[in-house]
Amino acid sequence: IMLLNRRSFLLSTLLSGNFKIANAKRNTLKTELVRLGNTDLIIPNIGYGSSSTSDENIVKHAFKNGIRYFDTAESYVGGDSESSIGNALKDVRHEIVIGTKTKARTYDNKRDYMKSLEDSLKRLRTDYIDIYYNHAVNSISRLENTDWWEFIDKAKSDGKIRYSGVSGHGSNLADCLEYCIDRNLVDVILSAFSFAQDPKFFEKLRHTFHFVAINPRLPEVLLKAKNKGIGIIAMKTLAGARLNDMRPYENEDFTYAQAAIKWALNTDYADAAIISMTSNSLINELTSISNKKFTDNKSFSLLKQYYKLNHENICPPGCGACKNSCPNDVQISDVMRSKMYALDYKNPNKALISYSAIENNASACLSCSGKPCLGSCDYNLDIKKLNTSSHKLLS
């Protein structure tokens, strides 16, 4: 722990720079109510993400601003994220929808899952969870564990959970989601999705950045889920969330974050979106997205500028195009995600923990020529360069 804290301090020094929130005037809350698939859950189309905060005052501010879906997990901030939501909202439990998560591993059994659920119920100060997710799935083997699905059925019949879900943002995300969709296993999907994974966005950029064609599989799978009545909530809609990069290009009517969220919600792929809300000012910005239909051109101009500034670093979750390119089986997308936590999210602790958990990290990239993965990225990322710098920063 002492080593991790020291490494976090050093990394924080490397990543120094204040995270600024625009001070421009915003409209009052005008979020739109949506139904999640065929469930009876009706929520505003923007929800509270809590992976990086456990401040009860921020939770209360989100509720005051009209947020009614609160997304958390047993692992977020060591369980304190769940506790903060439970403590702050215990008196308005009937007015909100809560989604929380546990990692259902291949070696776990029904008893393990029930204990995780009971612990989450205690921290959340409630006797039921609206959506209980199998967290961060990235392998079919985890989904083949029949104990998980038997546990889900039992927890539903006991009234401890209302709906089952699956969440993810790894390289095998599309395969994992399709496994659940084809077998009618889940009611709700929480998936990484942003404009940087939308083929329509890249078609508009094709000539600017000389893309041959980008046809990520994830949007097709999400549309398949939606057509089957599965509710879909998008996460990581800000494609790295480097908000400071875009402040000079924004005005008081429309910010980059608002444009990115509006783009995701105006596609055919998501019912709602969750955003990591870490301050009252950010909540004010995110919950003031007007229902007025901004033109595609107005949204696109901001998103194009963001992509122009950051396209050499954006690795869209769930792509997996590079998955079989490395002879050393480096888990490229996982390395990229750790880099995102460090450089984009400015969260050194999360970055270090994430990177240390990678079985095949980027150490092999230091002595590699870079030829095996050259050209394997549909987004034209320099994998060798990015992985090398990530390993030096995080190892």
Protein backbone atom coordinates (compact mmCIF):
# COMPACT_ATOMS: atom_id res chain seq x y z
CA ILE A 1 0.00 0.00 0.00
CA MET A 2 2.84 2.39 0.85
CA LEU A 3 4.46 1.60 -2.49
CA LEU A 4 1.20 2.22 -4.32
CA ASN A 5 0.69 5.54 -2.51
CA ARG A 6 4.21 6.65 -3.38
CA ARG A 7 3.74 5.64 -7.02
CA SER A 8 0.40 7.46 -7.06
CA PHE A 9 2.05 10.62 -5.73
CA LEU A 10 4.79 10.47 -8.35
CA LEU A 11 2.28 9.86 -11.11
CA SER A 12 0.10 12.71 -9.84
CA THR A 13 3.13 14.98 -10.15
CA LEU A 14 3.58 13.92 -13.76
CA LEU A 15 -0.09 14.52 -14.43
CA SER A 16 -0.30 17.86 -12.64
CA GLY A 17 -2.85 20.32 -13.98
CA ASN A 18 -6.15 21.56 -12.68
CA PHE A 19 -9.35 20.09 -14.01
CA LYS A 20 -11.46 23.11 -14.87
CA ILE A 21 -15.22 23.26 -15.24
CA ALA A 22 -16.80 25.87 -17.47
CA ASN A 23 -18.38 28.71 -15.48
CA ALA A 24 -20.80 29.72 -18.23
CA LYS A 25 -24.47 30.06 -17.39
CA ARG A 26 -26.52 26.92 -17.96
CA ASN A 27 -30.20 26.27 -18.48
CA THR A 28 -32.28 24.56 -15.80
CA LEU A 29 -32.67 20.81 -15.94
CA LYS A 30 -34.35 19.63 -19.11
CA THR A 31 -33.48 15.96 -19.21
CA GLU A 32 -35.87 13.64 -20.99
CA LEU A 33 -37.62 10.71 -19.33
CA VAL A 34 -37.02 7.34 -21.00
CA ARG A 35 -38.05 3.75 -20.43
CA LEU A 36 -35.27 1.16 -20.25
CA GLY A 37 -36.23 -1.40 -22.85
CA ASN A 38 -39.16 -3.59 -21.82
CA THR A 39 -38.65 -2.96 -18.10
CA ASP A 40 -40.93 -0.70 -16.07
CA LEU A 41 -37.97 1.51 -15.13
CA ILE A 42 -38.51 5.10 -16.27
CA ILE A 43 -35.58 7.45 -15.65
CA PRO A 44 -34.11 10.72 -16.92
CA ASN A 45 -31.83 10.01 -19.87
CA ILE A 46 -28.75 11.16 -17.89
CA GLY A 47 -27.65 9.24 -14.82
CA TYR A 48 -25.10 9.50 -12.03
CA GLY A 49 -21.84 7.59 -12.40
CA SER A 50 -19.96 7.06 -9.13
CA SER A 51 -16.78 5.22 -9.98
CA SER A 52 -14.57 8.07 -8.75
CA THR A 53 -16.43 9.67 -5.86
CA SER A 54 -18.02 8.88 -2.52
CA ASP A 55 -19.01 12.39 -1.48
CA GLU A 56 -22.55 12.37 -0.09
CA ASN A 57 -22.96 16.07 -0.81
CA ILE A 58 -22.32 15.46 -4.50
CA VAL A 59 -24.89 12.65 -4.48
CA LYS A 60 -27.46 14.97 -2.89
CA HIS A 61 -26.68 17.71 -5.40
CA ALA A 62 -27.26 15.29 -8.27
CA PHE A 63 -30.64 14.33 -6.82
CA LYS A 64 -31.53 18.00 -6.33
CA ASN A 65 -30.69 18.60 -10.01
CA GLY A 66 -33.10 15.90 -11.14
CA ILE A 67 -30.87 12.84 -11.40
CA ARG A 68 -32.87 9.73 -10.58
CA TYR A 69 -30.65 6.86 -11.80
CA PHE A 70 -27.61 6.20 -9.62
CA ASP A 71 -25.01 3.74 -10.89
CA THR A 72 -22.42 2.23 -8.59
CA ALA A 73 -20.52 -1.01 -7.82
CA GLU A 74 -19.22 -2.87 -4.79
CA SER A 75 -15.66 -2.12 -5.94
CA TYR A 76 -16.02 1.64 -6.49
CA VAL A 77 -13.95 3.59 -3.96
CA GLY A 78 -13.66 0.41 -1.89
CA GLY A 79 -17.42 0.20 -1.35
CA ASP A 80 -17.71 3.80 -0.14
CA SER A 81 -19.44 4.78 -3.37
CA GLU A 82 -22.38 2.52 -2.50
CA SER A 83 -22.39 3.82 1.07
CA SER A 84 -22.50 7.44 -0.05
CA ILE A 85 -25.55 6.80 -2.24
CA GLY A 86 -27.25 4.79 0.51
CA ASN A 87 -26.63 7.41 3.18
CA ALA A 88 -27.54 10.39 1.01
CA LEU A 89 -30.70 8.98 -0.55
CA LYS A 90 -32.15 6.62 2.06
CA ASP A 91 -35.13 8.92 2.60
CA VAL A 92 -35.99 9.13 -1.11
CA ARG A 93 -35.35 5.50 -2.05
CA HIS A 94 -38.81 5.18 -3.64
CA GLU A 95 -37.99 8.09 -6.00
CA ILE A 96 -34.77 6.68 -7.48
CA VAL A 97 -33.44 3.75 -9.49
CA ILE A 98 -30.21 2.12 -8.30
CA GLY A 99 -27.91 -0.06 -10.35
CA THR A 100 -24.93 -1.77 -8.76
CA LYS A 101 -22.46 -4.44 -9.83
CA THR A 102 -20.35 -7.40 -8.81
CA LYS A 103 -17.77 -9.39 -10.74
CA ALA A 104 -19.24 -12.86 -11.19
CA ARG A 105 -16.05 -14.84 -11.66
CA THR A 106 -15.85 -18.31 -13.13
CA TYR A 107 -14.84 -19.87 -9.79
CA ASP A 108 -17.54 -18.14 -7.71
CA ASN A 109 -20.76 -19.85 -6.67
CA LYS A 110 -24.29 -18.90 -5.65
CA ARG A 111 -23.26 -18.41 -2.04
CA ASP A 112 -20.53 -15.97 -3.07
CA TYR A 113 -22.92 -14.00 -5.24
CA MET A 114 -25.57 -13.80 -2.53
CA LYS A 115 -23.01 -12.52 -0.01
CA SER A 116 -21.91 -9.81 -2.45
CA LEU A 117 -25.52 -8.80 -2.98
CA GLU A 118 -26.29 -8.73 0.74
CA ASP A 119 -23.22 -6.58 1.39
CA SER A 120 -24.28 -4.12 -1.32
CA LEU A 121 -27.81 -3.97 0.11
CA LYS A 122 -26.39 -3.04 3.52
CA ARG A 123 -24.13 -0.32 2.12
CA LEU A 124 -26.95 1.07 -0.03
CA ARG A 125 -29.35 0.96 2.93
CA THR A 126 -32.09 -0.70 0.92
CA ASP A 127 -33.76 -4.09 0.69
CA TYR A 128 -33.70 -4.32 -3.11
CA ILE A 129 -31.58 -3.36 -6.11
CA ASP A 130 -33.30 -2.21 -9.30
CA ILE A 131 -30.56 -3.46 -11.67
CA TYR A 132 -27.85 -5.90 -10.58
CA TYR A 133 -25.02 -6.21 -13.10
CA ASN A 134 -22.37 -8.79 -13.80
CA HIS A 135 -19.54 -6.27 -13.80
CA ALA A 136 -16.88 -5.65 -16.48
CA VAL A 137 -17.43 -8.83 -18.44
CA ASN A 138 -14.76 -9.57 -21.03
CA SER A 139 -14.86 -13.37 -21.38
CA ILE A 140 -17.56 -15.83 -22.33
CA SER A 141 -16.37 -18.24 -19.64
CA ARG A 142 -17.64 -15.91 -16.90
CA LEU A 143 -21.06 -15.87 -18.56
CA GLU A 144 -21.12 -19.66 -18.81
CA ASN A 145 -21.12 -20.03 -15.04
CA THR A 146 -24.66 -21.36 -14.45
CA ASP A 147 -24.43 -20.53 -10.74
CA TRP A 148 -24.67 -16.84 -11.63
CA TRP A 149 -27.91 -17.23 -13.57
CA GLU A 150 -29.42 -19.50 -10.90
CA PHE A 151 -28.49 -16.88 -8.33
CA ILE A 152 -30.14 -14.17 -10.45
CA ASP A 153 -33.39 -16.16 -10.64
CA LYS A 154 -33.35 -16.74 -6.88
CA ALA A 155 -32.59 -13.10 -6.07
CA LYS A 156 -35.42 -11.98 -8.35
CA SER A 157 -37.91 -14.38 -6.78
CA ASP A 158 -36.82 -13.20 -3.32
CA GLY A 159 -37.43 -9.58 -4.33
CA LYS A 160 -33.79 -8.60 -3.73
CA ILE A 161 -33.20 -7.52 -7.33
CA ARG A 162 -35.70 -6.42 -9.92
CA TYR A 163 -33.72 -6.74 -13.15
CA SER A 164 -30.47 -8.38 -14.23
CA GLY A 165 -27.79 -6.70 -16.25
CA VAL A 166 -24.34 -7.00 -17.71
CA SER A 167 -21.71 -4.26 -18.03
CA GLY A 168 -18.45 -4.00 -19.89
CA HIS A 169 -15.89 -2.01 -21.86
CA GLY A 170 -13.25 -4.60 -22.79
CA SER A 171 -12.02 -5.88 -26.13
CA ASN A 172 -14.44 -8.86 -26.11
CA LEU A 173 -17.43 -6.74 -25.16
CA ALA A 174 -19.42 -7.32 -28.35
CA ASP A 175 -19.06 -11.12 -28.09
CA CYS A 176 -20.06 -11.10 -24.41
CA LEU A 177 -23.11 -8.93 -25.02
CA GLU A 178 -24.25 -11.04 -27.94
CA TYR A 179 -23.95 -14.19 -25.84
CA CYS A 180 -26.42 -12.69 -23.34
CA ILE A 181 -28.69 -11.23 -26.02
CA ASP A 182 -29.06 -14.48 -27.95
CA ARG A 183 -29.93 -16.40 -24.79
CA ASN A 184 -32.32 -13.79 -23.34
CA LEU A 185 -30.25 -13.61 -20.16
CA VAL A 186 -30.39 -9.92 -19.27
CA ASP A 187 -32.88 -7.08 -18.98
CA VAL A 188 -30.41 -4.18 -19.15
CA ILE A 189 -27.00 -3.62 -20.72
CA LEU A 190 -24.49 -1.02 -19.49
CA SER A 191 -21.99 -0.58 -22.29
CA ALA A 192 -19.21 1.74 -23.30
CA PHE A 193 -20.45 3.80 -26.23
CA SER A 194 -19.54 7.21 -27.61
CA PHE A 195 -19.41 9.10 -30.88
CA ALA A 196 -15.96 7.54 -31.31
CA GLN A 197 -17.70 4.18 -31.84
CA ASP A 198 -20.45 5.43 -34.13
CA PRO A 199 -19.95 4.55 -37.83
CA LYS A 200 -22.03 7.58 -38.83
CA PHE A 201 -19.59 9.90 -37.09
CA PHE A 202 -16.61 8.34 -38.81
CA GLU A 203 -18.28 8.40 -42.19
CA LYS A 204 -18.42 12.19 -41.83
CA LEU A 205 -14.72 12.20 -40.84
CA ARG A 206 -13.57 9.73 -43.49
CA HIS A 207 -12.01 12.22 -45.89
CA THR A 208 -10.55 14.44 -43.17
CA PHE A 209 -8.57 11.65 -41.51
CA HIS A 210 -8.29 9.32 -44.51
CA PHE A 211 -10.12 6.41 -42.90
CA VAL A 212 -10.81 3.58 -45.31
CA ALA A 213 -13.79 2.35 -43.32
CA ILE A 214 -14.51 1.86 -39.65
CA ASN A 215 -17.36 -0.50 -38.95
CA PRO A 216 -17.12 -1.45 -35.28
CA ARG A 217 -19.22 -4.44 -34.35
CA LEU A 218 -20.44 -3.05 -31.04
CA PRO A 219 -23.12 -0.73 -32.50
CA GLU A 220 -24.64 -3.64 -34.41
CA VAL A 221 -24.82 -5.71 -31.23
CA LEU A 222 -26.37 -2.85 -29.26
CA LEU A 223 -29.01 -2.37 -31.95
CA LYS A 224 -29.74 -6.11 -31.80
CA ALA A 225 -30.25 -5.79 -28.05
CA LYS A 226 -32.53 -2.80 -28.42
CA ASN A 227 -34.65 -4.61 -31.00
CA LYS A 228 -35.15 -7.40 -28.44
CA GLY A 229 -36.39 -4.97 -25.80
CA ILE A 230 -33.22 -4.90 -23.69
CA GLY A 231 -32.61 -1.56 -21.99
CA ILE A 232 -29.30 0.07 -22.92
CA ILE A 233 -27.36 2.58 -20.85
CA ALA A 234 -24.22 4.08 -22.37
CA MET A 235 -21.09 4.89 -20.39
CA LYS A 236 -17.76 6.47 -21.34
CA THR A 237 -19.66 8.73 -23.72
CA LEU A 238 -17.01 11.48 -23.53
CA ALA A 239 -14.30 9.44 -25.32
CA GLY A 240 -11.65 10.10 -22.69
CA ALA A 241 -13.28 13.16 -21.11
CA ARG A 242 -10.42 15.57 -21.77
CA LEU A 243 -12.78 18.47 -21.09
CA ASN A 244 -10.10 21.10 -20.60
CA ASP A 245 -8.97 20.58 -24.20
CA MET A 246 -12.32 21.84 -25.42
CA ARG A 247 -13.03 24.81 -23.16
CA PRO A 248 -11.61 27.35 -25.66
CA TYR A 249 -14.03 26.10 -28.34
CA GLU A 250 -17.20 26.13 -26.22
CA ASN A 251 -19.75 28.83 -25.47
CA GLU A 252 -22.40 29.32 -22.82
CA ASP A 253 -25.03 27.56 -24.94
CA PHE A 254 -23.29 24.28 -25.70
CA THR A 255 -20.23 22.47 -24.33
CA TYR A 256 -18.29 19.52 -25.64
CA ALA A 257 -19.62 17.24 -22.89
CA GLN A 258 -23.17 18.20 -23.77
CA ALA A 259 -22.52 17.61 -27.47
CA ALA A 260 -20.98 14.18 -26.84
CA ILE A 261 -23.84 13.07 -24.61
CA LYS A 262 -26.46 14.41 -27.01
CA TRP A 263 -24.78 12.55 -29.88
CA ALA A 264 -24.85 9.25 -28.00
CA LEU A 265 -28.48 9.71 -26.98
CA ASN A 266 -29.60 10.73 -30.47
CA THR A 267 -28.31 7.50 -32.01
CA ASP A 268 -30.33 4.31 -32.16
CA TYR A 269 -28.07 2.56 -29.68
CA ALA A 270 -28.77 3.89 -26.17
CA ASP A 271 -31.78 4.78 -24.04
CA ALA A 272 -29.78 6.72 -21.47
CA ALA A 273 -26.22 7.57 -20.47
CA ILE A 274 -24.32 7.72 -17.19
CA ILE A 275 -21.51 10.18 -16.60
CA SER A 276 -18.97 10.14 -13.80
CA MET A 277 -20.04 13.09 -11.67
CA THR A 278 -17.25 14.33 -9.44
CA SER A 279 -18.26 17.90 -8.60
CA ASN A 280 -21.36 20.05 -8.24
CA SER A 281 -20.26 22.29 -11.12
CA LEU A 282 -19.89 19.31 -13.45
CA ILE A 283 -23.34 18.08 -12.41
CA ASN A 284 -24.75 21.51 -13.22
CA GLU A 285 -23.20 21.34 -16.67
CA LEU A 286 -24.30 17.80 -17.45
CA THR A 287 -27.86 18.15 -16.20
CA SER A 288 -28.51 21.34 -18.14
CA ILE A 289 -28.50 19.66 -21.54
CA SER A 290 -31.48 21.16 -23.27
CA ASN A 291 -34.13 19.05 -24.96
CA LYS A 292 -34.06 21.55 -27.78
CA LYS A 293 -32.83 19.72 -30.86
CA PHE A 294 -29.36 21.01 -31.56
CA THR A 295 -28.45 20.53 -35.18
CA ASP A 296 -26.14 17.67 -36.05
CA ASN A 297 -23.73 20.21 -37.51
CA LYS A 298 -23.48 22.10 -34.23
CA SER A 299 -22.75 18.91 -32.30
CA PHE A 300 -20.46 17.56 -34.98
CA SER A 301 -18.27 20.69 -35.09
CA LEU A 302 -17.39 20.30 -31.39
CA LEU A 303 -16.88 16.55 -31.63
CA LYS A 304 -14.74 16.91 -34.73
CA GLN A 305 -12.55 19.45 -32.93
CA TYR A 306 -12.18 17.11 -29.96
CA TYR A 307 -11.25 14.21 -32.23
CA LYS A 308 -8.76 16.40 -34.09
CA LEU A 309 -7.03 17.25 -30.81
CA ASN A 310 -7.07 13.75 -29.31
CA HIS A 311 -7.37 11.19 -32.12
CA GLU A 312 -3.82 9.91 -31.61
CA ASN A 313 -4.81 8.66 -28.14
CA ILE A 314 -8.47 7.61 -28.36
CA CYS A 315 -8.88 3.84 -28.14
CA PRO A 316 -12.64 3.14 -28.27
CA PRO A 317 -13.64 0.37 -25.82
CA GLY A 318 -14.97 -2.84 -27.29
CA CYS A 319 -13.12 -2.53 -30.59
CA GLY A 320 -10.69 -5.46 -30.40
CA ALA A 321 -9.29 -5.02 -33.92
CA CYS A 322 -5.74 -5.42 -32.57
CA LYS A 323 -6.59 -8.38 -30.35
CA ASN A 324 -4.68 -11.10 -32.25
CA SER A 325 -1.87 -8.97 -33.62
CA CYS A 326 0.67 -9.33 -30.79
CA PRO A 327 2.86 -12.48 -30.71
CA ASN A 328 3.40 -11.88 -26.98
CA ASP A 329 -0.35 -11.65 -26.31
CA VAL A 330 -0.05 -8.16 -24.84
CA GLN A 331 -3.54 -7.12 -23.73
CA ILE A 332 -3.42 -3.97 -25.79
CA SER A 333 -6.91 -2.64 -25.10
CA ASP A 334 -6.45 -3.11 -21.34
CA VAL A 335 -3.16 -1.20 -21.48
CA MET A 336 -4.93 1.56 -23.40
CA ARG A 337 -7.67 1.70 -20.79
CA SER A 338 -5.13 2.09 -17.98
CA LYS A 339 -3.50 4.89 -19.95
CA MET A 340 -6.92 6.55 -20.27
CA TYR A 341 -7.43 6.45 -16.50
CA ALA A 342 -4.04 8.07 -15.99
CA LEU A 343 -3.83 10.72 -18.69
CA ASP A 344 -7.46 11.45 -19.50
CA TYR A 345 -9.27 10.88 -16.20
CA LYS A 346 -6.35 12.15 -14.11
CA ASN A 347 -6.89 9.22 -11.75
CA PRO A 348 -3.44 7.77 -10.98
CA ASN A 349 -4.67 5.32 -8.32
CA LYS A 350 -7.18 3.75 -10.69
CA ALA A 351 -4.59 3.66 -13.47
CA LEU A 352 -1.97 1.92 -11.33
CA ILE A 353 -4.41 -0.63 -9.94
CA SER A 354 -5.81 -1.32 -13.39
CA TYR A 355 -2.37 -1.74 -14.96
CA SER A 356 -1.07 -3.96 -12.17
CA ALA A 357 -3.98 -6.34 -12.79
CA ILE A 358 -3.07 -6.90 -16.46
CA GLU A 359 -1.61 -10.37 -16.88
CA ASN A 360 0.26 -9.55 -20.10
CA ASN A 361 1.11 -5.88 -19.81
CA ALA A 362 3.17 -3.78 -22.23
CA SER A 363 6.62 -4.79 -20.95
CA ALA A 364 7.19 -6.81 -24.13
CA CYS A 365 6.63 -3.66 -26.20
CA LEU A 366 9.87 -2.13 -24.91
CA SER A 367 12.01 -4.55 -26.91
CA CYS A 368 9.63 -5.10 -29.80
CA SER A 369 10.11 -3.56 -33.26
CA GLY A 370 6.45 -2.62 -33.40
CA LYS A 371 5.95 -4.42 -36.71
CA PRO A 372 3.53 -7.15 -35.51
CA CYS A 373 0.85 -4.63 -34.51
CA LEU A 374 1.69 -2.05 -37.16
CA GLY A 375 -1.45 -1.22 -39.11
CA SER A 376 -3.67 -3.46 -36.99
CA CYS A 377 -5.59 -0.54 -35.47
CA ASP A 378 -8.59 0.63 -37.47
CA TYR A 379 -8.19 4.03 -35.81
CA ASN A 380 -4.54 4.35 -36.92
CA LEU A 381 -3.14 4.44 -33.39
CA ASP A 382 0.61 3.94 -32.93
CA ILE A 383 0.29 0.96 -30.58
CA LYS A 384 4.02 0.51 -30.01
CA LYS A 385 4.51 4.15 -29.05
CA LEU A 386 1.45 4.35 -26.79
CA ASN A 387 2.13 1.05 -25.05
CA THR A 388 5.77 1.87 -24.44
CA SER A 389 4.99 5.21 -22.83
CA SER A 390 2.15 3.63 -20.82
CA HIS A 391 4.43 0.93 -19.41
CA LYS A 392 7.11 3.44 -18.43
CA LEU A 393 4.51 5.59 -16.69
CA LEU A 394 2.57 2.86 -14.92
CA SER A 395 5.01 0.04 -14.16
